[in-house]
Amino acid sequence: MTDEETSSFLASNRKMQLATINRDGTPHLVTMFYAMLDGRVAFWTYRSSQKALNILRDARVTVLIEDGIDYFELRGVQISGVAEPTDVLTVGRLVGRGIGTGLDEFIEYTARKRLAWLVSPTRVSSWDHRKLV
């Protein structure tokens, strides 16, 4: 994908696979909601979650955003980079906006128990199998 196609793809999706590094070096992979903030993937999670503990120990992450069902519809973006702390409420509101309405009170309440990050890319890969036809 071109840079413009990649940006558009990232802005139009809401779920990603997040890979962090467990203490023993194995990957920890989970599905997360995300939002785009200043051109970067932003996400939040509970402070006590395994992914949060992993990031606090080693901030290297990889995220995968993909869509399509049939082979010639598959497209995606993989971003490897470093998770940098950012404002929890800002990210919570952005992520919440993509999930639904009426979440303001929940976001305010749960933000006290969460951490948020922006992914600063070191490598971006993308593909679009629709271009193969």
C-alpha atoms as a PDB file:
ATOM      1  CA  MET A   1       0.000   0.000   0.000  1.00  0.00           C
ATOM      2  CA  THR A   2       1.070   3.556  -0.525  1.00  0.00           C
ATOM      3  CA  ASP A   3       1.546   5.805   2.514  1.00  0.00           C
ATOM      4  CA  GLU A   4      -1.832   7.413   1.807  1.00  0.00           C
ATOM      5  CA  GLU A   5      -3.554   4.023   1.499  1.00  0.00           C
ATOM      6  CA  THR A   6      -1.913   2.857   4.715  1.00  0.00           C
ATOM      7  CA  SER A   7      -3.066   5.957   6.613  1.00  0.00           C
ATOM      8  CA  SER A   8      -6.597   5.583   5.299  1.00  0.00           C
ATOM      9  CA  PHE A   9      -6.665   1.872   6.169  1.00  0.00           C
ATOM     10  CA  LEU A  10      -5.469   2.519   9.729  1.00  0.00           C
ATOM     11  CA  ALA A  11      -8.024   5.318  10.208  1.00  0.00           C
ATOM     12  CA  SER A  12     -10.899   3.143   8.986  1.00  0.00           C
ATOM     13  CA  ASN A  13     -10.319   0.181  11.332  1.00  0.00           C
ATOM     14  CA  ARG A  14     -10.683  -0.222  15.100  1.00  0.00           C
ATOM     15  CA  LYS A  15      -9.274  -3.625  16.106  1.00  0.00           C
ATOM     16  CA  MET A  16      -5.678  -4.759  16.105  1.00  0.00           C
ATOM     17  CA  GLN A  17      -3.575  -7.646  17.275  1.00  0.00           C
ATOM     18  CA  LEU A  18      -1.006  -6.447  19.808  1.00  0.00           C
ATOM     19  CA  ALA A  19       2.137  -8.465  20.451  1.00  0.00           C
ATOM     20  CA  THR A  20       4.257  -7.764  23.519  1.00  0.00           C
ATOM     21  CA  ILE A  21       7.188  -9.713  24.951  1.00  0.00           C
ATOM     22  CA  ASN A  22       6.676 -11.925  28.002  1.00  0.00           C
ATOM     23  CA  ARG A  23       9.382 -12.163  30.661  1.00  0.00           C
ATOM     24  CA  ASP A  24      10.531 -15.508  29.202  1.00  0.00           C
ATOM     25  CA  GLY A  25      10.844 -13.993  25.700  1.00  0.00           C
ATOM     26  CA  THR A  26       7.711 -15.567  24.238  1.00  0.00           C
ATOM     27  CA  PRO A  27       5.152 -13.371  22.488  1.00  0.00           C
ATOM     28  CA  HIS A  28       1.958 -12.323  24.243  1.00  0.00           C
ATOM     29  CA  LEU A  29      -0.712 -11.689  21.596  1.00  0.00           C
ATOM     30  CA  VAL A  30      -4.114 -10.082  22.217  1.00  0.00           C
ATOM     31  CA  THR A  31      -6.842  -8.291  20.303  1.00  0.00           C
ATOM     32  CA  MET A  32      -7.265  -4.624  21.246  1.00  0.00           C
ATOM     33  CA  PHE A  33      -9.336  -1.659  20.170  1.00  0.00           C
ATOM     34  CA  TYR A  34      -7.216   1.245  18.973  1.00  0.00           C
ATOM     35  CA  ALA A  35      -7.506   4.760  17.614  1.00  0.00           C
ATOM     36  CA  MET A  36      -5.173   6.956  15.609  1.00  0.00           C
ATOM     37  CA  LEU A  37      -3.589   9.935  17.386  1.00  0.00           C
ATOM     38  CA  ASP A  38      -1.126  12.221  15.625  1.00  0.00           C
ATOM     39  CA  GLY A  39      -0.632   9.590  12.923  1.00  0.00           C
ATOM     40  CA  ARG A  40       0.224   6.842  15.400  1.00  0.00           C
ATOM     41  CA  VAL A  41      -1.658   3.865  16.783  1.00  0.00           C
ATOM     42  CA  ALA A  42      -2.967   4.616  20.282  1.00  0.00           C
ATOM     43  CA  PHE A  43      -4.368   2.109  22.779  1.00  0.00           C
ATOM     44  CA  TRP A  44      -5.080   1.726  26.471  1.00  0.00           C
ATOM     45  CA  THR A  45      -5.351  -1.185  28.882  1.00  0.00           C
ATOM     46  CA  TYR A  46      -5.610  -1.982  32.570  1.00  0.00           C
ATOM     47  CA  ARG A  47      -2.395  -1.365  34.519  1.00  0.00           C
ATOM     48  CA  SER A  48      -2.392  -4.913  35.888  1.00  0.00           C
ATOM     49  CA  SER A  49      -2.852  -6.649  32.520  1.00  0.00           C
ATOM     50  CA  GLN A  50      -0.088  -8.872  31.204  1.00  0.00           C
ATOM     51  CA  LYS A  51       0.402  -6.633  28.161  1.00  0.00           C
ATOM     52  CA  ALA A  52       0.856  -3.572  30.398  1.00  0.00           C
ATOM     53  CA  LEU A  53       3.383  -5.372  32.590  1.00  0.00           C
ATOM     54  CA  ASN A  54       5.231  -6.532  29.479  1.00  0.00           C
ATOM     55  CA  ILE A  55       5.352  -3.029  27.976  1.00  0.00           C
ATOM     56  CA  LEU A  56       6.568  -1.502  31.233  1.00  0.00           C
ATOM     57  CA  ARG A  57       9.424  -4.021  31.217  1.00  0.00           C
ATOM     58  CA  ASP A  58      10.154  -3.916  27.456  1.00  0.00           C
ATOM     59  CA  ALA A  59       8.379  -1.304  25.341  1.00  0.00           C
ATOM     60  CA  ARG A  60       8.947  -3.071  22.011  1.00  0.00           C
ATOM     61  CA  VAL A  61       5.645  -4.053  20.389  1.00  0.00           C
ATOM     62  CA  THR A  62       4.198  -5.183  17.086  1.00  0.00           C
ATOM     63  CA  VAL A  63       0.651  -4.437  15.999  1.00  0.00           C
ATOM     64  CA  LEU A  64      -1.276  -6.012  13.143  1.00  0.00           C
ATOM     65  CA  ILE A  65      -4.393  -4.527  11.593  1.00  0.00           C
ATOM     66  CA  GLU A  66      -6.000  -6.576   8.845  1.00  0.00           C
ATOM     67  CA  ASP A  67      -9.236  -7.194   6.992  1.00  0.00           C
ATOM     68  CA  GLY A  68     -10.669  -9.306   4.202  1.00  0.00           C
ATOM     69  CA  ILE A  69     -12.042 -12.827   4.097  1.00  0.00           C
ATOM     70  CA  ASP A  70     -11.093 -14.279   0.725  1.00  0.00           C
ATOM     71  CA  TYR A  71      -7.449 -14.415  -0.371  1.00  0.00           C
ATOM     72  CA  PHE A  72      -7.857 -11.704  -2.998  1.00  0.00           C
ATOM     73  CA  GLU A  73      -9.477  -9.377  -0.431  1.00  0.00           C
ATOM     74  CA  LEU A  74      -6.750  -9.621   2.230  1.00  0.00           C
ATOM     75  CA  ARG A  75      -4.971  -6.456   3.212  1.00  0.00           C
ATOM     76  CA  GLY A  76      -3.212  -5.292   6.296  1.00  0.00           C
ATOM     77  CA  VAL A  77      -0.598  -3.217   8.042  1.00  0.00           C
ATOM     78  CA  GLN A  78       2.002  -4.463  10.496  1.00  0.00           C
ATOM     79  CA  ILE A  79       3.800  -1.915  12.645  1.00  0.00           C
ATOM     80  CA  SER A  80       6.798  -2.772  14.797  1.00  0.00           C
ATOM     81  CA  GLY A  81       7.927  -0.091  17.180  1.00  0.00           C
ATOM     82  CA  VAL A  82       8.113   1.238  20.690  1.00  0.00           C
ATOM     83  CA  ALA A  83       5.118   1.911  22.951  1.00  0.00           C
ATOM     84  CA  GLU A  84       5.440   5.385  24.470  1.00  0.00           C
ATOM     85  CA  PRO A  85       3.230   6.476  27.390  1.00  0.00           C
ATOM     86  CA  THR A  86       0.563   9.070  26.633  1.00  0.00           C
ATOM     87  CA  ASP A  87      -2.526  10.658  28.192  1.00  0.00           C
ATOM     88  CA  VAL A  88      -5.025   8.016  29.325  1.00  0.00           C
ATOM     89  CA  LEU A  89      -8.206  10.091  29.024  1.00  0.00           C
ATOM     90  CA  THR A  90      -7.368  11.302  25.531  1.00  0.00           C
ATOM     91  CA  VAL A  91      -6.805   7.766  24.292  1.00  0.00           C
ATOM     92  CA  GLY A  92      -9.795   6.409  26.191  1.00  0.00           C
ATOM     93  CA  ARG A  93     -12.084   8.963  24.578  1.00  0.00           C
ATOM     94  CA  LEU A  94     -10.698   8.263  21.104  1.00  0.00           C
ATOM     95  CA  VAL A  95     -10.976   4.503  21.475  1.00  0.00           C
ATOM     96  CA  GLY A  96     -14.435   4.854  23.015  1.00  0.00           C
ATOM     97  CA  ARG A  97     -15.616   6.987  20.121  1.00  0.00           C
ATOM     98  CA  GLY A  98     -14.922   4.074  17.788  1.00  0.00           C
ATOM     99  CA  ILE A  99     -16.795   1.587  19.968  1.00  0.00           C
ATOM    100  CA  GLY A 100     -20.079   3.372  20.588  1.00  0.00           C
ATOM    101  CA  THR A 101     -21.917   6.199  22.281  1.00  0.00           C
ATOM    102  CA  GLY A 102     -22.735   6.842  25.925  1.00  0.00           C
ATOM    103  CA  LEU A 103     -19.371   5.664  27.224  1.00  0.00           C
ATOM    104  CA  ASP A 104     -18.144   8.934  28.750  1.00  0.00           C
ATOM    105  CA  GLU A 105     -18.896   7.958  32.340  1.00  0.00           C
ATOM    106  CA  PHE A 106     -17.339   4.517  31.888  1.00  0.00           C
ATOM    107  CA  ILE A 107     -14.210   6.031  30.303  1.00  0.00           C
ATOM    108  CA  GLU A 108     -13.797   8.538  33.138  1.00  0.00           C
ATOM    109  CA  TYR A 109     -14.230   5.799  35.745  1.00  0.00           C
ATOM    110  CA  THR A 110     -11.995   3.173  34.176  1.00  0.00           C
ATOM    111  CA  ALA A 111      -9.217   5.610  33.201  1.00  0.00           C
ATOM    112  CA  ARG A 112      -8.050   5.640  36.824  1.00  0.00           C
ATOM    113  CA  LYS A 113      -7.065   1.985  36.444  1.00  0.00           C
ATOM    114  CA  ARG A 114      -5.467   2.178  32.995  1.00  0.00           C
ATOM    115  CA  LEU A 115      -2.343   3.155  31.094  1.00  0.00           C
ATOM    116  CA  ALA A 116      -2.191   4.394  27.494  1.00  0.00           C
ATOM    117  CA  TRP A 117       0.448   4.297  24.788  1.00  0.00           C
ATOM    118  CA  LEU A 118       1.281   5.547  21.317  1.00  0.00           C
ATOM    119  CA  VAL A 119       3.228   3.234  19.013  1.00  0.00           C
ATOM    120  CA  SER A 120       6.261   4.964  17.526  1.00  0.00           C
ATOM    121  CA  PRO A 121       7.021   2.919  14.413  1.00  0.00           C
ATOM    122  CA  THR A 122      10.453   1.544  13.614  1.00  0.00           C
ATOM    123  CA  ARG A 123       9.147  -0.600  10.734  1.00  0.00           C
ATOM    124  CA  VAL A 124       5.872  -0.588   8.787  1.00  0.00           C
ATOM    125  CA  SER A 125       4.831  -3.326   6.345  1.00  0.00           C
ATOM    126  CA  SER A 126       1.615  -3.382   4.358  1.00  0.00           C
ATOM    127  CA  TRP A 127      -0.100  -5.533   1.750  1.00  0.00           C
ATOM    128  CA  ASP A 128      -3.233  -5.423  -0.364  1.00  0.00           C
ATOM    129  CA  HIS A 129      -4.136  -8.631  -2.199  1.00  0.00           C
ATOM    130  CA  ARG A 130      -6.857  -6.772  -4.087  1.00  0.00           C
ATOM    131  CA  LYS A 131      -4.011  -5.431  -6.243  1.00  0.00           C
ATOM    132  CA  LEU A 132      -2.981  -8.958  -7.271  1.00  0.00           C
ATOM    133  CA  VAL A 133      -6.030  -9.463  -9.495  1.00  0.00           C
END
